[in-house]
Amino acid sequence: MSPTSRLAAAGEWLEAHPIAYFLALVAAPVTAKVAVAALTGGGLREAVESGLVFGVVFAAVTLALRRYVGQ
């Protein structure tokens, strides 16, 4: 199985499992915010909190738009 087909299969699996898809969408901004805070010496708690807020809003809007557009 080529890397491209594995990636496509993973994407299809995530789209078939909305809760896992939602969690994956939330995890990306949280991870990015925490990584930046760790590298710059910022507050990790604030990074997690703001990352979670952004991630939940981002995931909710993404899933709502996907459902509205029909993809």
PDB file of N, CA and C in Angstrom:
ATOM      1  N   MET A   1       0.853  -1.177   0.000  1.00  0.00           N
ATOM      2  CA  MET A   1       0.000   0.000   0.000  1.00  0.00           C
ATOM      3  C   MET A   1       0.898   1.239   0.000  1.00  0.00           C
ATOM      4  N   SER A   2       0.662   2.128  -0.932  1.00  0.00           N
ATOM      5  CA  SER A   2       1.489   3.325  -1.043  1.00  0.00           C
ATOM      6  C   SER A   2       1.126   4.331   0.051  1.00  0.00           C
ATOM      7  N   PRO A   3       2.045   5.244   0.381  1.00  0.00           N
ATOM      8  CA  PRO A   3       1.750   6.258   1.408  1.00  0.00           C
ATOM      9  C   PRO A   3       0.527   7.099   1.070  1.00  0.00           C
ATOM     10  N   THR A   4       0.327   7.376  -0.217  1.00  0.00           N
ATOM     11  CA  THR A   4      -0.829   8.176  -0.619  1.00  0.00           C
ATOM     12  C   THR A   4      -2.128   7.437  -0.359  1.00  0.00           C
ATOM     13  N   SER A   5      -2.160   6.157  -0.680  1.00  0.00           N
ATOM     14  CA  SER A   5      -3.386   5.397  -0.461  1.00  0.00           C
ATOM     15  C   SER A   5      -3.632   5.170   1.031  1.00  0.00           C
ATOM     16  N   ARG A   6      -2.554   5.047   1.831  1.00  0.00           N
ATOM     17  CA  ARG A   6      -2.730   4.928   3.283  1.00  0.00           C
ATOM     18  C   ARG A   6      -3.303   6.209   3.861  1.00  0.00           C
ATOM     19  N   LEU A   7      -2.829   7.330   3.365  1.00  0.00           N
ATOM     20  CA  LEU A   7      -3.336   8.621   3.828  1.00  0.00           C
ATOM     21  C   LEU A   7      -4.804   8.789   3.444  1.00  0.00           C
ATOM     22  N   ALA A   8      -5.149   8.395   2.232  1.00  0.00           N
ATOM     23  CA  ALA A   8      -6.546   8.474   1.791  1.00  0.00           C
ATOM     24  C   ALA A   8      -7.426   7.560   2.625  1.00  0.00           C
ATOM     25  N   ALA A   9      -6.936   6.358   2.933  1.00  0.00           N
ATOM     26  CA  ALA A   9      -7.713   5.425   3.754  1.00  0.00           C
ATOM     27  C   ALA A   9      -7.913   5.977   5.157  1.00  0.00           C
ATOM     28  N   ALA A  10      -6.876   6.616   5.718  1.00  0.00           N
ATOM     29  CA  ALA A  10      -7.001   7.218   7.049  1.00  0.00           C
ATOM     30  C   ALA A  10      -8.012   8.358   7.032  1.00  0.00           C
ATOM     31  N   GLY A  11      -7.988   9.160   5.975  1.00  0.00           N
ATOM     32  CA  GLY A  11      -8.953  10.253   5.852  1.00  0.00           C
ATOM     33  C   GLY A  11     -10.376   9.749   5.734  1.00  0.00           C
ATOM     34  N   GLU A  12     -10.563   8.687   4.977  1.00  0.00           N
ATOM     35  CA  GLU A  12     -11.899   8.098   4.844  1.00  0.00           C
ATOM     36  C   GLU A  12     -12.368   7.525   6.175  1.00  0.00           C
ATOM     37  N   TRP A  13     -11.447   6.882   6.918  1.00  0.00           N
ATOM     38  CA  TRP A  13     -11.820   6.325   8.214  1.00  0.00           C
ATOM     39  C   TRP A  13     -12.243   7.434   9.164  1.00  0.00           C
ATOM     40  N   LEU A  14     -11.474   8.541   9.194  1.00  0.00           N
ATOM     41  CA  LEU A  14     -11.826   9.655  10.078  1.00  0.00           C
ATOM     42  C   LEU A  14     -13.179  10.247   9.716  1.00  0.00           C
ATOM     43  N   GLU A  15     -13.449  10.380   8.426  1.00  0.00           N
ATOM     44  CA  GLU A  15     -14.733  10.937   8.012  1.00  0.00           C
ATOM     45  C   GLU A  15     -15.885   9.998   8.346  1.00  0.00           C
ATOM     46  N   ALA A  16     -15.623   8.706   8.410  1.00  0.00           N
ATOM     47  CA  ALA A  16     -16.667   7.740   8.770  1.00  0.00           C
ATOM     48  C   ALA A  16     -16.905   7.699  10.275  1.00  0.00           C
ATOM     49  N   HIS A  17     -15.991   8.242  11.051  1.00  0.00           N
ATOM     50  CA  HIS A  17     -16.104   8.261  12.512  1.00  0.00           C
ATOM     51  C   HIS A  17     -16.046   9.710  12.991  1.00  0.00           C
ATOM     52  N   PRO A  18     -17.213  10.378  13.063  1.00  0.00           N
ATOM     53  CA  PRO A  18     -17.233  11.816  13.344  1.00  0.00           C
ATOM     54  C   PRO A  18     -16.606  12.228  14.676  1.00  0.00           C
ATOM     55  N   ILE A  19     -16.714  11.399  15.693  1.00  0.00           N
ATOM     56  CA  ILE A  19     -16.128  11.784  16.982  1.00  0.00           C
ATOM     57  C   ILE A  19     -14.610  11.784  16.888  1.00  0.00           C
ATOM     58  N   ALA A  20     -14.038  10.772  16.254  1.00  0.00           N
ATOM     59  CA  ALA A  20     -12.584  10.728  16.066  1.00  0.00           C
ATOM     60  C   ALA A  20     -12.137  11.891  15.187  1.00  0.00           C
ATOM     61  N   TYR A  21     -12.926  12.211  14.161  1.00  0.00           N
ATOM     62  CA  TYR A  21     -12.607  13.327  13.265  1.00  0.00           C
ATOM     63  C   TYR A  21     -12.620  14.639  14.048  1.00  0.00           C
ATOM     64  N   PHE A  22     -13.631  14.816  14.897  1.00  0.00           N
ATOM     65  CA  PHE A  22     -13.736  16.016  15.720  1.00  0.00           C
ATOM     66  C   PHE A  22     -12.521  16.130  16.640  1.00  0.00           C
ATOM     67  N   LEU A  23     -12.150  15.028  17.290  1.00  0.00           N
ATOM     68  CA  LEU A  23     -11.007  15.048  18.203  1.00  0.00           C
ATOM     69  C   LEU A  23      -9.699  15.327  17.469  1.00  0.00           C
ATOM     70  N   ALA A  24      -9.564  14.793  16.274  1.00  0.00           N
ATOM     71  CA  ALA A  24      -8.357  15.065  15.482  1.00  0.00           C
ATOM     72  C   ALA A  24      -8.282  16.546  15.107  1.00  0.00           C
ATOM     73  N   LEU A  25      -9.428  17.124  14.760  1.00  0.00           N
ATOM     74  CA  LEU A  25      -9.449  18.551  14.425  1.00  0.00           C
ATOM     75  C   LEU A  25      -9.148  19.419  15.644  1.00  0.00           C
ATOM     76  N   VAL A  26      -9.567  18.983  16.819  1.00  0.00           N
ATOM     77  CA  VAL A  26      -9.296  19.741  18.043  1.00  0.00           C
ATOM     78  C   VAL A  26      -7.828  19.599  18.437  1.00  0.00           C
ATOM     79  N   ALA A  27      -7.272  18.408  18.260  1.00  0.00           N
ATOM     80  CA  ALA A  27      -5.907  18.136  18.716  1.00  0.00           C
ATOM     81  C   ALA A  27      -4.857  18.964  17.972  1.00  0.00           C
ATOM     82  N   ALA A  28      -5.091  19.246  16.706  1.00  0.00           N
ATOM     83  CA  ALA A  28      -4.081  19.967  15.920  1.00  0.00           C
ATOM     84  C   ALA A  28      -3.777  21.361  16.482  1.00  0.00           C
ATOM     85  N   PRO A  29      -4.775  22.214  16.707  1.00  0.00           N
ATOM     86  CA  PRO A  29      -4.452  23.544  17.252  1.00  0.00           C
ATOM     87  C   PRO A  29      -3.904  23.492  18.680  1.00  0.00           C
ATOM     88  N   VAL A  30      -4.394  22.540  19.484  1.00  0.00           N
ATOM     89  CA  VAL A  30      -3.884  22.426  20.860  1.00  0.00           C
ATOM     90  C   VAL A  30      -2.405  22.076  20.826  1.00  0.00           C
ATOM     91  N   THR A  31      -2.048  21.118  20.002  1.00  0.00           N
ATOM     92  CA  THR A  31      -0.652  20.705  19.891  1.00  0.00           C
ATOM     93  C   THR A  31       0.223  21.862  19.405  1.00  0.00           C
ATOM     94  N   ALA A  32      -0.253  22.581  18.424  1.00  0.00           N
ATOM     95  CA  ALA A  32       0.523  23.708  17.896  1.00  0.00           C
ATOM     96  C   ALA A  32       0.712  24.800  18.950  1.00  0.00           C
ATOM     97  N   LYS A  33      -0.353  25.146  19.659  1.00  0.00           N
ATOM     98  CA  LYS A  33      -0.258  26.198  20.679  1.00  0.00           C
ATOM     99  C   LYS A  33       0.678  25.783  21.814  1.00  0.00           C
ATOM    100  N   VAL A  34       0.593  24.531  22.245  1.00  0.00           N
ATOM    101  CA  VAL A  34       1.455  24.050  23.327  1.00  0.00           C
ATOM    102  C   VAL A  34       2.915  24.013  22.864  1.00  0.00           C
ATOM    103  N   ALA A  35       3.158  23.595  21.628  1.00  0.00           N
ATOM    104  CA  ALA A  35       4.524  23.552  21.110  1.00  0.00           C
ATOM    105  C   ALA A  35       5.130  24.953  21.060  1.00  0.00           C
ATOM    106  N   VAL A  36       4.365  25.917  20.594  1.00  0.00           N
ATOM    107  CA  VAL A  36       4.865  27.297  20.536  1.00  0.00           C
ATOM    108  C   VAL A  36       5.126  27.826  21.941  1.00  0.00           C
ATOM    109  N   ALA A  37       4.215  27.548  22.861  1.00  0.00           N
ATOM    110  CA  ALA A  37       4.395  28.017  24.239  1.00  0.00           C
ATOM    111  C   ALA A  37       5.630  27.371  24.869  1.00  0.00           C
ATOM    112  N   ALA A  38       5.843  26.102  24.599  1.00  0.00           N
ATOM    113  CA  ALA A  38       7.011  25.418  25.162  1.00  0.00           C
ATOM    114  C   ALA A  38       8.307  25.975  24.586  1.00  0.00           C
ATOM    115  N   LEU A  39       8.305  26.275  23.305  1.00  0.00           N
ATOM    116  CA  LEU A  39       9.511  26.794  22.661  1.00  0.00           C
ATOM    117  C   LEU A  39       9.816  28.233  23.043  1.00  0.00           C
ATOM    118  N   THR A  40       8.783  29.010  23.308  1.00  0.00           N
ATOM    119  CA  THR A  40       8.996  30.425  23.623  1.00  0.00           C
ATOM    120  C   THR A  40       8.986  30.713  25.123  1.00  0.00           C
ATOM    121  N   GLY A  41       8.757  29.688  25.934  1.00  0.00           N
ATOM    122  CA  GLY A  41       8.738  29.894  27.375  1.00  0.00           C
ATOM    123  C   GLY A  41       7.440  30.476  27.881  1.00  0.00           C
ATOM    124  N   GLY A  42       6.383  30.354  27.110  1.00  0.00           N
ATOM    125  CA  GLY A  42       5.076  30.876  27.505  1.00  0.00           C
ATOM    126  C   GLY A  42       4.375  29.943  28.478  1.00  0.00           C
ATOM    127  N   GLY A  43       3.221  30.382  28.929  1.00  0.00           N
ATOM    128  CA  GLY A  43       2.439  29.587  29.862  1.00  0.00           C
ATOM    129  C   GLY A  43       1.743  28.424  29.164  1.00  0.00           C
ATOM    130  N   LEU A  44       2.022  27.212  29.628  1.00  0.00           N
ATOM    131  CA  LEU A  44       1.424  26.031  29.006  1.00  0.00           C
ATOM    132  C   LEU A  44      -0.078  25.933  29.289  1.00  0.00           C
ATOM    133  N   ARG A  45      -0.483  26.330  30.497  1.00  0.00           N
ATOM    134  CA  ARG A  45      -1.903  26.243  30.821  1.00  0.00           C
ATOM    135  C   ARG A  45      -2.726  27.149  29.901  1.00  0.00           C
ATOM    136  N   GLU A  46      -2.270  28.364  29.700  1.00  0.00           N
ATOM    137  CA  GLU A  46      -2.983  29.285  28.818  1.00  0.00           C
ATOM    138  C   GLU A  46      -2.981  28.774  27.381  1.00  0.00           C
ATOM    139  N   ALA A  47      -1.877  28.150  26.981  1.00  0.00           N
ATOM    140  CA  ALA A  47      -1.790  27.601  25.622  1.00  0.00           C
ATOM    141  C   ALA A  47      -2.785  26.475  25.427  1.00  0.00           C
ATOM    142  N   VAL A  48      -2.911  25.612  26.436  1.00  0.00           N
ATOM    143  CA  VAL A  48      -3.875  24.506  26.339  1.00  0.00           C
ATOM    144  C   VAL A  48      -5.295  25.051  26.310  1.00  0.00           C
ATOM    145  N   GLU A  49      -5.587  26.008  27.181  1.00  0.00           N
ATOM    146  CA  GLU A  49      -6.944  26.568  27.234  1.00  0.00           C
ATOM    147  C   GLU A  49      -7.323  27.249  25.924  1.00  0.00           C
ATOM    148  N   SER A  50      -6.450  28.111  25.428  1.00  0.00           N
ATOM    149  CA  SER A  50      -6.788  28.818  24.189  1.00  0.00           C
ATOM    150  C   SER A  50      -6.779  27.858  23.002  1.00  0.00           C
ATOM    151  N   GLY A  51      -5.894  26.860  23.017  1.00  0.00           N
ATOM    152  CA  GLY A  51      -5.877  25.856  21.956  1.00  0.00           C
ATOM    153  C   GLY A  51      -7.155  25.040  21.930  1.00  0.00           C
ATOM    154  N   LEU A  52      -7.654  24.695  23.115  1.00  0.00           N
ATOM    155  CA  LEU A  52      -8.915  23.945  23.184  1.00  0.00           C
ATOM    156  C   LEU A  52     -10.090  24.770  22.670  1.00  0.00           C
ATOM    157  N   VAL A  53     -10.154  26.019  23.080  1.00  0.00           N
ATOM    158  CA  VAL A  53     -11.239  26.883  22.608  1.00  0.00           C
ATOM    159  C   VAL A  53     -11.175  27.027  21.092  1.00  0.00           C
ATOM    160  N   PHE A  54     -10.000  27.348  20.578  1.00  0.00           N
ATOM    161  CA  PHE A  54      -9.851  27.487  19.135  1.00  0.00           C
ATOM    162  C   PHE A  54     -10.147  26.170  18.432  1.00  0.00           C
ATOM    163  N   GLY A  55      -9.627  25.068  18.978  1.00  0.00           N
ATOM    164  CA  GLY A  55      -9.824  23.760  18.359  1.00  0.00           C
ATOM    165  C   GLY A  55     -11.275  23.340  18.296  1.00  0.00           C
ATOM    166  N   VAL A  56     -12.010  23.556  19.378  1.00  0.00           N
ATOM    167  CA  VAL A  56     -13.432  23.180  19.389  1.00  0.00           C
ATOM    168  C   VAL A  56     -14.221  24.026  18.393  1.00  0.00           C
ATOM    169  N   VAL A  57     -13.958  25.321  18.371  1.00  0.00           N
ATOM    170  CA  VAL A  57     -14.650  26.190  17.402  1.00  0.00           C
ATOM    171  C   VAL A  57     -14.272  25.791  15.976  1.00  0.00           C
ATOM    172  N   PHE A  58     -12.988  25.572  15.725  1.00  0.00           N
ATOM    173  CA  PHE A  58     -12.521  25.174  14.400  1.00  0.00           C
ATOM    174  C   PHE A  58     -13.168  23.855  13.973  1.00  0.00           C
ATOM    175  N   ALA A  59     -13.188  22.876  14.860  1.00  0.00           N
ATOM    176  CA  ALA A  59     -13.767  21.570  14.529  1.00  0.00           C
ATOM    177  C   ALA A  59     -15.262  21.682  14.278  1.00  0.00           C
ATOM    178  N   ALA A  60     -15.966  22.427  15.116  1.00  0.00           N
ATOM    179  CA  ALA A  60     -17.411  22.566  14.948  1.00  0.00           C
ATOM    180  C   ALA A  60     -17.754  23.257  13.632  1.00  0.00           C
ATOM    181  N   VAL A  61     -17.042  24.321  13.317  1.00  0.00           N
ATOM    182  CA  VAL A  61     -17.298  25.043  12.066  1.00  0.00           C
ATOM    183  C   VAL A  61     -16.946  24.161  10.866  1.00  0.00           C
ATOM    184  N   THR A  62     -15.822  23.462  10.940  1.00  0.00           N
ATOM    185  CA  THR A  62     -15.417  22.587   9.838  1.00  0.00           C
ATOM    186  C   THR A  62     -16.450  21.510   9.583  1.00  0.00           C
ATOM    187  N   LEU A  63     -16.897  20.838  10.638  1.00  0.00           N
ATOM    188  CA  LEU A  63     -17.883  19.769  10.459  1.00  0.00           C
ATOM    189  C   LEU A  63     -19.234  20.316   9.995  1.00  0.00           C
ATOM    190  N   ALA A  64     -19.622  21.480  10.509  1.00  0.00           N
ATOM    191  CA  ALA A  64     -20.887  22.074  10.073  1.00  0.00           C
ATOM    192  C   ALA A  64     -20.823  22.456   8.593  1.00  0.00           C
ATOM    193  N   LEU A  65     -19.716  23.044   8.174  1.00  0.00           N
ATOM    194  CA  LEU A  65     -19.575  23.410   6.763  1.00  0.00           C
ATOM    195  C   LEU A  65     -19.525  22.176   5.870  1.00  0.00           C
ATOM    196  N   ARG A  66     -18.860  21.127   6.292  1.00  0.00           N
ATOM    197  CA  ARG A  66     -18.805  19.889   5.506  1.00  0.00           C
ATOM    198  C   ARG A  66     -20.204  19.305   5.356  1.00  0.00           C
ATOM    199  N   ARG A  67     -20.983  19.343   6.432  1.00  0.00           N
ATOM    200  CA  ARG A  67     -22.336  18.811   6.368  1.00  0.00           C
ATOM    201  C   ARG A  67     -23.212  19.692   5.487  1.00  0.00           C
ATOM    202  N   TYR A  68     -23.049  21.035   5.599  1.00  0.00           N
ATOM    203  CA  TYR A  68     -23.855  21.963   4.812  1.00  0.00           C
ATOM    204  C   TYR A  68     -23.523  21.849   3.333  1.00  0.00           C
ATOM    205  N   VAL A  69     -22.243  21.767   3.014  1.00  0.00           N
ATOM    206  CA  VAL A  69     -21.826  21.667   1.619  1.00  0.00           C
ATOM    207  C   VAL A  69     -22.104  20.271   1.057  1.00  0.00           C
ATOM    208  N   GLY A  70     -22.118  19.287   1.968  1.00  0.00           N
ATOM    209  CA  GLY A  70     -22.448  17.930   1.535  1.00  0.00           C
ATOM    210  C   GLY A  70     -21.246  17.093   1.173  1.00  0.00           C
ATOM    211  N   GLN A  71     -20.100  17.399   1.749  1.00  0.00           N
ATOM    212  CA  GLN A  71     -18.902  16.592   1.462  1.00  0.00           C
ATOM    213  C   GLN A  71     -18.545  15.780   2.651  1.00  0.00           C
TER     214      GLN A  71
END
